[in-house]
Amino acid sequence: MQKTQPSSSSLRVWKPCLTVLASDRGFGLIEVVVAMALIAGAYIGVVEAYQRVRLHYGQIEAQRTELNRAQDQHERDAL
């Protein structure tokens, strides 16, 4: 049995497929951008919640201070 040599037209030469690699890189970039957007959105939400809580706590502290001053004044007036 004799082996036949493949013709030059049937030989396949490995060539990197640049379109597939470029789209893979692009898809990875989109994933990174989406992940960063989700992280940034979560961070902004946490910071906003912290600021609201801190503001509310500050208002409560101001009310408490005012009530303590009023109570102290009342006690001074009672003497």
Protein backbone atom coordinates (compact mmCIF):
# COMPACT_ATOMS: atom_id res chain seq x y z
CA MET A 1 0.00 0.00 0.00
CA GLN A 2 1.43 3.27 -1.03
CA LYS A 3 0.96 6.48 0.95
CA THR A 4 -0.21 9.38 -1.10
CA GLN A 5 1.21 12.77 -0.50
CA PRO A 6 -1.44 15.37 0.17
CA SER A 7 -1.60 18.08 -2.40
CA SER A 8 -0.60 21.58 -1.45
CA SER A 9 -4.19 22.77 -1.80
CA SER A 10 -5.40 20.27 0.80
CA LEU A 11 -2.73 21.23 3.36
CA ARG A 12 -4.06 23.37 6.10
CA VAL A 13 -1.77 25.92 7.59
CA TRP A 14 -2.54 27.05 11.10
CA LYS A 15 -3.44 30.71 11.14
CA PRO A 16 -4.61 32.45 14.26
CA CYS A 17 -8.16 33.60 13.95
CA LEU A 18 -7.86 37.24 14.92
CA THR A 19 -11.58 37.92 14.74
CA VAL A 20 -12.32 35.32 17.39
CA LEU A 21 -9.53 36.59 19.63
CA ALA A 22 -10.65 40.18 19.23
CA SER A 23 -14.24 39.34 20.05
CA ASP A 24 -13.13 37.29 23.07
CA ARG A 25 -11.13 40.24 24.34
CA GLY A 26 -14.10 42.51 23.71
CA PHE A 27 -16.45 40.18 25.56
CA GLY A 28 -14.04 40.08 28.48
CA LEU A 29 -13.86 43.87 28.47
CA ILE A 30 -17.65 44.10 28.54
CA GLU A 31 -17.74 41.69 31.48
CA VAL A 32 -15.20 43.81 33.35
CA VAL A 33 -17.08 47.03 32.64
CA VAL A 34 -20.38 45.50 33.76
CA ALA A 35 -18.76 44.12 36.92
CA MET A 36 -17.20 47.51 37.68
CA ALA A 37 -20.56 49.21 37.13
CA LEU A 38 -22.25 46.79 39.54
CA ILE A 39 -19.55 47.32 42.14
CA ALA A 40 -19.71 51.10 41.72
CA GLY A 41 -23.51 51.04 42.02
CA ALA A 42 -23.34 48.95 45.18
CA TYR A 43 -20.67 51.23 46.64
CA ILE A 44 -22.72 54.34 45.88
CA GLY A 45 -25.77 52.73 47.47
CA VAL A 46 -23.85 51.84 50.62
CA VAL A 47 -22.35 55.32 50.90
CA GLU A 48 -25.78 56.90 50.41
CA ALA A 49 -27.29 54.69 53.11
CA TYR A 50 -24.41 55.53 55.46
CA GLN A 51 -24.88 59.24 54.86
CA ARG A 52 -28.62 58.99 55.56
CA VAL A 53 -28.01 57.08 58.79
CA ARG A 54 -25.29 59.50 59.84
CA LEU A 55 -27.54 62.50 59.12
CA HIS A 56 -30.40 60.93 61.07
CA TYR A 57 -28.05 60.15 63.96
CA GLY A 58 -26.81 63.76 63.93
CA GLN A 59 -30.39 65.04 64.07
CA ILE A 60 -31.18 62.74 66.99
CA GLU A 61 -28.05 63.92 68.80
CA ALA A 62 -29.05 67.56 68.25
CA GLN A 63 -32.53 66.86 69.64
CA ARG A 64 -31.06 65.02 72.63
CA THR A 65 -28.70 67.89 73.34
CA GLU A 66 -31.55 70.39 73.11
CA LEU A 67 -33.71 68.30 75.46
CA ASN A 68 -30.83 68.01 77.95
CA ARG A 69 -30.35 71.81 77.87
CA ALA A 70 -34.07 72.35 78.41
CA GLN A 71 -34.10 69.87 81.30
CA ASP A 72 -31.05 71.50 82.88
CA GLN A 73 -32.66 74.93 82.54
CA HIS A 74 -35.86 73.65 84.08
CA GLU A 75 -33.93 72.17 87.03
CA ARG A 76 -32.06 75.45 87.54
CA ASP A 77 -35.32 77.41 87.48
CA ALA A 78 -36.85 75.01 90.02
CA LEU A 79 -34.14 75.79 92.57
